Amino acid sequence: MQPVVEIASPEAFGLWPVAEVERFSFQPLSGALSPPEVGTAMMGIAAYNDVEPGPDDPPRPADPLGSFLHGLLTLDPLVVSGGLRVTDTSTGVTFLPGCCDGLEDWRDWQRFVDGGRPLWFGHDPVSPVAERFGDTVRLTVDAHLSDSPLIELPVTELRALLVSAERDLADFLASATDWASVHLPDHARHIVPALARVLDLRSPTCAP
């Protein structure tokens, strides 16, 4: 299980260093990322919130960097395309995040484990769903297909995977905090708490 961000930003990006990735691919988040990979993840998160301000929102700054970061620093709630990706290494089946449950909602998995109700992740182009049957969890890649690939695992294993995923998110937040102090020093003190909110984590202390 890996927390991932979908990278849907324009290919030509020059506001900070980023790694080369395929558009609409998923960037895993952890503390093991290189600075360009952290930059890629930050690009994806900021881009998803790069929307035109509403009539009651602060105006968008004129400078390119401030304009691009404006949504990340002002919107509430923040959203980001992505989620938790699960791969069965024995079969190669991968359960991808859907369109209706972004990375900001990753704790829905914890509520699913505790409550047992089906958790639907999207409807277009596929409809992934997580279901619990007693002590077994079934992850169906596309509920629209009668023969959809699926992953089955014990509830106890899923709980352990969620603990690991939360650790990956916390480690990424720590790396992003250091990254922001280097690459976006004028915005770091605001970016870090915004990033903590979208990842549903406690914000670390950001160096001035």
C-alpha atoms as a PDB file:
ATOM      1  CA  MET A   1       0.000   0.000   0.000  1.00  0.00           C
ATOM      2  CA  GLN A   2       1.421   3.325  -1.109  1.00  0.00           C
ATOM      3  CA  PRO A   3       0.016   6.849  -0.803  1.00  0.00           C
ATOM      4  CA  VAL A   4       0.188   8.379  -4.285  1.00  0.00           C
ATOM      5  CA  VAL A   5      -0.474  11.700  -6.017  1.00  0.00           C
ATOM      6  CA  GLU A   6      -1.624  11.860  -9.614  1.00  0.00           C
ATOM      7  CA  ILE A   7       0.577  14.143 -11.700  1.00  0.00           C
ATOM      8  CA  ALA A   8      -1.625  16.050 -14.121  1.00  0.00           C
ATOM      9  CA  SER A   9       0.430  19.242 -14.402  1.00  0.00           C
ATOM     10  CA  PRO A  10       1.623  20.682 -17.726  1.00  0.00           C
ATOM     11  CA  GLU A  11       4.803  19.109 -19.016  1.00  0.00           C
ATOM     12  CA  ALA A  12       6.571  22.461 -19.262  1.00  0.00           C
ATOM     13  CA  PHE A  13       7.076  23.408 -15.614  1.00  0.00           C
ATOM     14  CA  GLY A  14       9.811  25.763 -14.475  1.00  0.00           C
ATOM     15  CA  LEU A  15       8.853  27.113 -11.067  1.00  0.00           C
ATOM     16  CA  TRP A  16      11.087  24.614  -9.223  1.00  0.00           C
ATOM     17  CA  PRO A  17      13.049  21.447 -10.071  1.00  0.00           C
ATOM     18  CA  VAL A  18      10.912  18.374 -10.782  1.00  0.00           C
ATOM     19  CA  ALA A  19      11.587  14.800 -11.849  1.00  0.00           C
ATOM     20  CA  GLU A  20      10.577  13.568 -15.282  1.00  0.00           C
ATOM     21  CA  VAL A  21       7.365  11.553 -15.004  1.00  0.00           C
ATOM     22  CA  GLU A  22       4.631  10.578 -17.400  1.00  0.00           C
ATOM     23  CA  ARG A  23       1.577  12.824 -17.281  1.00  0.00           C
ATOM     24  CA  PHE A  24      -1.364  11.334 -15.367  1.00  0.00           C
ATOM     25  CA  SER A  25       0.925   8.829 -13.673  1.00  0.00           C
ATOM     26  CA  PHE A  26       1.065   8.366  -9.904  1.00  0.00           C
ATOM     27  CA  GLN A  27       3.940   9.634  -7.751  1.00  0.00           C
ATOM     28  CA  PRO A  28       4.327   7.532  -4.577  1.00  0.00           C
ATOM     29  CA  LEU A  29       4.892   9.537  -1.393  1.00  0.00           C
ATOM     30  CA  SER A  30       7.451   8.596   1.248  1.00  0.00           C
ATOM     31  CA  GLY A  31      10.537   9.885   2.979  1.00  0.00           C
ATOM     32  CA  ALA A  32      12.779   8.209   0.392  1.00  0.00           C
ATOM     33  CA  LEU A  33      12.053  10.658  -2.430  1.00  0.00           C
ATOM     34  CA  SER A  34      14.792  12.729  -4.019  1.00  0.00           C
ATOM     35  CA  PRO A  35      14.348  16.531  -3.958  1.00  0.00           C
ATOM     36  CA  PRO A  36      13.143  16.558  -7.616  1.00  0.00           C
ATOM     37  CA  GLU A  37      10.615  13.814  -6.778  1.00  0.00           C
ATOM     38  CA  VAL A  38       9.369  15.831  -3.813  1.00  0.00           C
ATOM     39  CA  GLY A  39       9.102  18.773  -6.204  1.00  0.00           C
ATOM     40  CA  THR A  40       7.050  16.639  -8.587  1.00  0.00           C
ATOM     41  CA  ALA A  41       4.641  15.657  -5.823  1.00  0.00           C
ATOM     42  CA  MET A  42       4.331  19.277  -4.699  1.00  0.00           C
ATOM     43  CA  MET A  43       3.668  20.301  -8.289  1.00  0.00           C
ATOM     44  CA  GLY A  44       0.847  17.757  -8.526  1.00  0.00           C
ATOM     45  CA  ILE A  45      -0.712  18.826  -5.231  1.00  0.00           C
ATOM     46  CA  ALA A  46      -0.525  22.535  -6.017  1.00  0.00           C
ATOM     47  CA  ALA A  47      -1.753  22.057  -9.596  1.00  0.00           C
ATOM     48  CA  TYR A  48      -4.899  20.246  -8.478  1.00  0.00           C
ATOM     49  CA  ASN A  49      -5.815  23.267  -6.327  1.00  0.00           C
ATOM     50  CA  ASP A  50      -4.805  25.820  -8.968  1.00  0.00           C
ATOM     51  CA  VAL A  51      -8.307  27.093  -9.682  1.00  0.00           C
ATOM     52  CA  GLU A  52      -9.721  30.539 -10.265  1.00  0.00           C
ATOM     53  CA  PRO A  53     -10.571  32.332  -6.995  1.00  0.00           C
ATOM     54  CA  GLY A  54     -14.215  32.803  -6.166  1.00  0.00           C
ATOM     55  CA  PRO A  55     -15.792  36.211  -5.524  1.00  0.00           C
ATOM     56  CA  ASP A  56     -15.138  35.934  -1.778  1.00  0.00           C
ATOM     57  CA  ASP A  57     -11.584  34.562  -2.085  1.00  0.00           C
ATOM     58  CA  PRO A  58      -8.361  36.598  -1.950  1.00  0.00           C
ATOM     59  CA  PRO A  59      -7.260  37.748  -5.426  1.00  0.00           C
ATOM     60  CA  ARG A  60      -4.672  35.724  -7.279  1.00  0.00           C
ATOM     61  CA  PRO A  61      -1.150  37.247  -7.130  1.00  0.00           C
ATOM     62  CA  ALA A  62       0.335  38.512 -10.361  1.00  0.00           C
ATOM     63  CA  ASP A  63       3.683  36.714 -10.111  1.00  0.00           C
ATOM     64  CA  PRO A  64       3.756  33.174 -11.618  1.00  0.00           C
ATOM     65  CA  LEU A  65       4.898  31.413  -8.439  1.00  0.00           C
ATOM     66  CA  GLY A  66       2.431  33.165  -6.167  1.00  0.00           C
ATOM     67  CA  SER A  67      -0.328  32.575  -8.708  1.00  0.00           C
ATOM     68  CA  PHE A  68       0.399  28.847  -8.947  1.00  0.00           C
ATOM     69  CA  LEU A  69       0.506  28.427  -5.156  1.00  0.00           C
ATOM     70  CA  HIS A  70      -2.523  30.616  -4.506  1.00  0.00           C
ATOM     71  CA  GLY A  71      -5.096  27.820  -4.322  1.00  0.00           C
ATOM     72  CA  LEU A  72      -2.910  25.621  -2.110  1.00  0.00           C
ATOM     73  CA  LEU A  73      -2.431  28.508   0.312  1.00  0.00           C
ATOM     74  CA  THR A  74      -6.011  29.835   0.378  1.00  0.00           C
ATOM     75  CA  LEU A  75      -8.557  27.103  -0.425  1.00  0.00           C
ATOM     76  CA  ASP A  76     -10.434  25.264   2.287  1.00  0.00           C
ATOM     77  CA  PRO A  77     -10.951  22.391   1.938  1.00  0.00           C
ATOM     78  CA  LEU A  78      -7.987  21.337  -0.166  1.00  0.00           C
ATOM     79  CA  VAL A  79      -8.263  18.348  -2.491  1.00  0.00           C
ATOM     80  CA  VAL A  80      -5.790  16.313  -4.492  1.00  0.00           C
ATOM     81  CA  SER A  81      -6.144  13.541  -7.035  1.00  0.00           C
ATOM     82  CA  GLY A  82      -4.633  10.326  -5.734  1.00  0.00           C
ATOM     83  CA  GLY A  83      -5.103   8.103  -2.720  1.00  0.00           C
ATOM     84  CA  LEU A  84      -3.812   4.754  -1.541  1.00  0.00           C
ATOM     85  CA  ARG A  85      -2.578   2.326  -4.202  1.00  0.00           C
ATOM     86  CA  VAL A  86      -2.559  -1.362  -3.264  1.00  0.00           C
ATOM     87  CA  THR A  87      -0.537  -3.955  -5.182  1.00  0.00           C
ATOM     88  CA  ASP A  88      -0.690  -7.713  -4.722  1.00  0.00           C
ATOM     89  CA  THR A  89       2.920  -8.654  -5.373  1.00  0.00           C
ATOM     90  CA  SER A  90       2.023 -12.333  -5.797  1.00  0.00           C
ATOM     91  CA  THR A  91      -0.454 -11.763  -8.652  1.00  0.00           C
ATOM     92  CA  GLY A  92       0.502  -8.349 -10.005  1.00  0.00           C
ATOM     93  CA  VAL A  93      -3.025  -6.996  -9.494  1.00  0.00           C
ATOM     94  CA  THR A  94      -3.046  -3.279  -8.626  1.00  0.00           C
ATOM     95  CA  PHE A  95      -5.939  -1.466  -6.964  1.00  0.00           C
ATOM     96  CA  LEU A  96      -5.752   2.183  -8.035  1.00  0.00           C
ATOM     97  CA  PRO A  97      -7.353   5.250  -6.460  1.00  0.00           C
ATOM     98  CA  GLY A  98     -10.578   6.385  -8.104  1.00  0.00           C
ATOM     99  CA  CYS A  99     -12.016   9.765  -9.012  1.00  0.00           C
ATOM    100  CA  CYS A 100     -14.261  10.235  -5.965  1.00  0.00           C
ATOM    101  CA  ASP A 101     -12.002   9.649  -2.967  1.00  0.00           C
ATOM    102  CA  GLY A 102      -8.813  11.688  -3.192  1.00  0.00           C
ATOM    103  CA  LEU A 103      -5.682  11.559  -1.101  1.00  0.00           C
ATOM    104  CA  GLU A 104      -7.196  14.069   1.324  1.00  0.00           C
ATOM    105  CA  ASP A 105      -9.764  11.369   2.200  1.00  0.00           C
ATOM    106  CA  TRP A 106      -7.279   8.564   2.831  1.00  0.00           C
ATOM    107  CA  ARG A 107      -8.528   8.121   6.409  1.00  0.00           C
ATOM    108  CA  ASP A 108     -11.773   6.795   4.906  1.00  0.00           C
ATOM    109  CA  TRP A 109      -9.846   3.523   4.749  1.00  0.00           C
ATOM    110  CA  GLN A 110      -9.527   3.500   8.541  1.00  0.00           C
ATOM    111  CA  ARG A 111     -13.228   4.166   8.971  1.00  0.00           C
ATOM    112  CA  PHE A 112     -13.947   1.399   6.454  1.00  0.00           C
ATOM    113  CA  VAL A 113     -11.884  -1.102   8.432  1.00  0.00           C
ATOM    114  CA  ASP A 114     -13.653  -0.151  11.666  1.00  0.00           C
ATOM    115  CA  GLY A 115     -17.173   0.176  10.237  1.00  0.00           C
ATOM    116  CA  GLY A 116     -17.212  -2.487   7.578  1.00  0.00           C
ATOM    117  CA  ARG A 117     -19.394  -0.599   5.080  1.00  0.00           C
ATOM    118  CA  PRO A 118     -18.319  -0.769   1.404  1.00  0.00           C
ATOM    119  CA  LEU A 119     -16.006   2.038   0.339  1.00  0.00           C
ATOM    120  CA  TRP A 120     -16.490   3.270  -3.225  1.00  0.00           C
ATOM    121  CA  PHE A 121     -13.639   5.161  -4.856  1.00  0.00           C
ATOM    122  CA  GLY A 122     -15.007   6.295  -8.214  1.00  0.00           C
ATOM    123  CA  HIS A 123     -17.089   5.688 -11.281  1.00  0.00           C
ATOM    124  CA  ASP A 124     -15.100   6.856 -14.303  1.00  0.00           C
ATOM    125  CA  PRO A 125     -13.447   5.167 -16.109  1.00  0.00           C
ATOM    126  CA  VAL A 126     -13.520   2.346 -13.540  1.00  0.00           C
ATOM    127  CA  SER A 127     -15.375   1.759 -10.294  1.00  0.00           C
ATOM    128  CA  PRO A 128     -13.025   0.466  -7.577  1.00  0.00           C
ATOM    129  CA  VAL A 129     -14.631  -0.684  -4.341  1.00  0.00           C
ATOM    130  CA  ALA A 130     -13.439  -2.086  -1.010  1.00  0.00           C
ATOM    131  CA  GLU A 131     -15.701  -4.522   0.847  1.00  0.00           C
ATOM    132  CA  ARG A 132     -15.357  -6.395   4.108  1.00  0.00           C
ATOM    133  CA  PHE A 133     -16.592  -9.955   4.564  1.00  0.00           C
ATOM    134  CA  GLY A 134     -15.984 -10.913   8.160  1.00  0.00           C
ATOM    135  CA  ASP A 135     -12.230 -10.902   8.710  1.00  0.00           C
ATOM    136  CA  THR A 136     -11.468 -10.618   4.981  1.00  0.00           C
ATOM    137  CA  VAL A 137     -11.228  -7.482   2.845  1.00  0.00           C
ATOM    138  CA  ARG A 138     -11.900  -7.668  -0.883  1.00  0.00           C
ATOM    139  CA  LEU A 139     -10.599  -4.905  -3.159  1.00  0.00           C
ATOM    140  CA  THR A 140     -12.330  -5.039  -6.537  1.00  0.00           C
ATOM    141  CA  VAL A 141     -10.499  -3.150  -9.279  1.00  0.00           C
ATOM    142  CA  ASP A 142     -13.678  -2.436 -11.301  1.00  0.00           C
ATOM    143  CA  ALA A 143     -17.070  -3.335  -9.864  1.00  0.00           C
ATOM    144  CA  HIS A 144     -18.638  -2.864 -13.318  1.00  0.00           C
ATOM    145  CA  LEU A 145     -16.924  -6.058 -14.506  1.00  0.00           C
ATOM    146  CA  SER A 146     -18.204  -9.467 -13.429  1.00  0.00           C
ATOM    147  CA  ASP A 147     -14.693 -10.891 -13.809  1.00  0.00           C
ATOM    148  CA  SER A 148     -12.807  -7.903 -12.404  1.00  0.00           C
ATOM    149  CA  PRO A 149      -9.337  -8.495 -10.968  1.00  0.00           C
ATOM    150  CA  LEU A 150      -9.408  -8.332  -7.185  1.00  0.00           C
ATOM    151  CA  ILE A 151      -7.218  -8.480  -4.115  1.00  0.00           C
ATOM    152  CA  GLU A 152      -8.216 -10.286  -0.933  1.00  0.00           C
ATOM    153  CA  LEU A 153      -6.402  -9.883   2.363  1.00  0.00           C
ATOM    154  CA  PRO A 154      -7.075 -10.241   6.089  1.00  0.00           C
ATOM    155  CA  VAL A 155      -8.391  -7.213   7.969  1.00  0.00           C
ATOM    156  CA  THR A 156      -5.385  -7.419  10.285  1.00  0.00           C
ATOM    157  CA  GLU A 157      -3.039  -7.096   7.313  1.00  0.00           C
ATOM    158  CA  LEU A 158      -4.926  -4.087   5.985  1.00  0.00           C
ATOM    159  CA  ARG A 159      -4.648  -2.398   9.389  1.00  0.00           C
ATOM    160  CA  ALA A 160      -0.884  -2.932   9.303  1.00  0.00           C
ATOM    161  CA  LEU A 161      -0.710  -1.558   5.749  1.00  0.00           C
ATOM    162  CA  LEU A 162      -2.583   1.563   6.827  1.00  0.00           C
ATOM    163  CA  VAL A 163      -0.117   2.153   9.653  1.00  0.00           C
ATOM    164  CA  SER A 164       2.707   1.886   7.125  1.00  0.00           C
ATOM    165  CA  ALA A 165       0.938   4.244   4.696  1.00  0.00           C
ATOM    166  CA  GLU A 166       0.469   6.837   7.427  1.00  0.00           C
ATOM    167  CA  ARG A 167       4.172   6.563   8.239  1.00  0.00           C
ATOM    168  CA  ASP A 168       4.995   7.139   4.564  1.00  0.00           C
ATOM    169  CA  LEU A 169       2.805  10.253   4.541  1.00  0.00           C
ATOM    170  CA  ALA A 170       4.413  11.596   7.717  1.00  0.00           C
ATOM    171  CA  ASP A 171       7.892  10.948   6.307  1.00  0.00           C
ATOM    172  CA  PHE A 172       6.940  12.687   3.071  1.00  0.00           C
ATOM    173  CA  LEU A 173       5.629  15.684   5.009  1.00  0.00           C
ATOM    174  CA  ALA A 174       8.945  15.908   6.861  1.00  0.00           C
ATOM    175  CA  SER A 175      10.858  15.746   3.563  1.00  0.00           C
ATOM    176  CA  ALA A 176       8.543  18.325   1.992  1.00  0.00           C
ATOM    177  CA  THR A 177       9.093  20.627   4.968  1.00  0.00           C
ATOM    178  CA  ASP A 178      12.848  20.555   4.386  1.00  0.00           C
ATOM    179  CA  TRP A 179      12.308  20.863   0.620  1.00  0.00           C
ATOM    180  CA  ALA A 180      10.076  23.921   0.988  1.00  0.00           C
ATOM    181  CA  SER A 181      12.605  25.705   3.208  1.00  0.00           C
ATOM    182  CA  VAL A 182      15.144  25.374   0.381  1.00  0.00           C
ATOM    183  CA  HIS A 183      13.065  25.815  -2.764  1.00  0.00           C
ATOM    184  CA  LEU A 184      10.189  28.010  -1.549  1.00  0.00           C
ATOM    185  CA  PRO A 185      11.606  29.836   1.486  1.00  0.00           C
ATOM    186  CA  ASP A 186       9.236  32.803   1.174  1.00  0.00           C
ATOM    187  CA  HIS A 187       6.182  30.522   1.236  1.00  0.00           C
ATOM    188  CA  ALA A 188       7.344  27.593   3.385  1.00  0.00           C
ATOM    189  CA  ARG A 189       5.690  28.706   6.627  1.00  0.00           C
ATOM    190  CA  HIS A 190       2.309  28.660   4.870  1.00  0.00           C
ATOM    191  CA  ILE A 191       2.867  25.697   2.560  1.00  0.00           C
ATOM    192  CA  VAL A 192       3.728  23.228   5.329  1.00  0.00           C
ATOM    193  CA  PRO A 193       0.459  23.577   7.298  1.00  0.00           C
ATOM    194  CA  ALA A 194      -1.517  23.546   4.029  1.00  0.00           C
ATOM    195  CA  LEU A 195       0.223  20.334   3.015  1.00  0.00           C
ATOM    196  CA  ALA A 196      -0.439  18.829   6.443  1.00  0.00           C
ATOM    197  CA  ARG A 197      -4.133  19.640   6.037  1.00  0.00           C
ATOM    198  CA  VAL A 198      -4.442  18.027   2.617  1.00  0.00           C
ATOM    199  CA  LEU A 199      -2.609  14.933   3.906  1.00  0.00           C
ATOM    200  CA  ASP A 200      -4.735  14.950   7.093  1.00  0.00           C
ATOM    201  CA  LEU A 201      -1.641  14.959   9.297  1.00  0.00           C
ATOM    202  CA  ARG A 202      -0.377  17.079  12.146  1.00  0.00           C
ATOM    203  CA  SER A 203       1.763  19.921  10.836  1.00  0.00           C
ATOM    204  CA  PRO A 204       5.476  19.812  11.778  1.00  0.00           C
ATOM    205  CA  THR A 205       7.367  22.892  12.813  1.00  0.00           C
ATOM    206  CA  CYS A 206       8.710  24.738   9.788  1.00  0.00           C
ATOM    207  CA  ALA A 207      12.088  26.401  10.007  1.00  0.00           C
ATOM    208  CA  PRO A 208      11.866  30.190   9.512  1.00  0.00           C
END
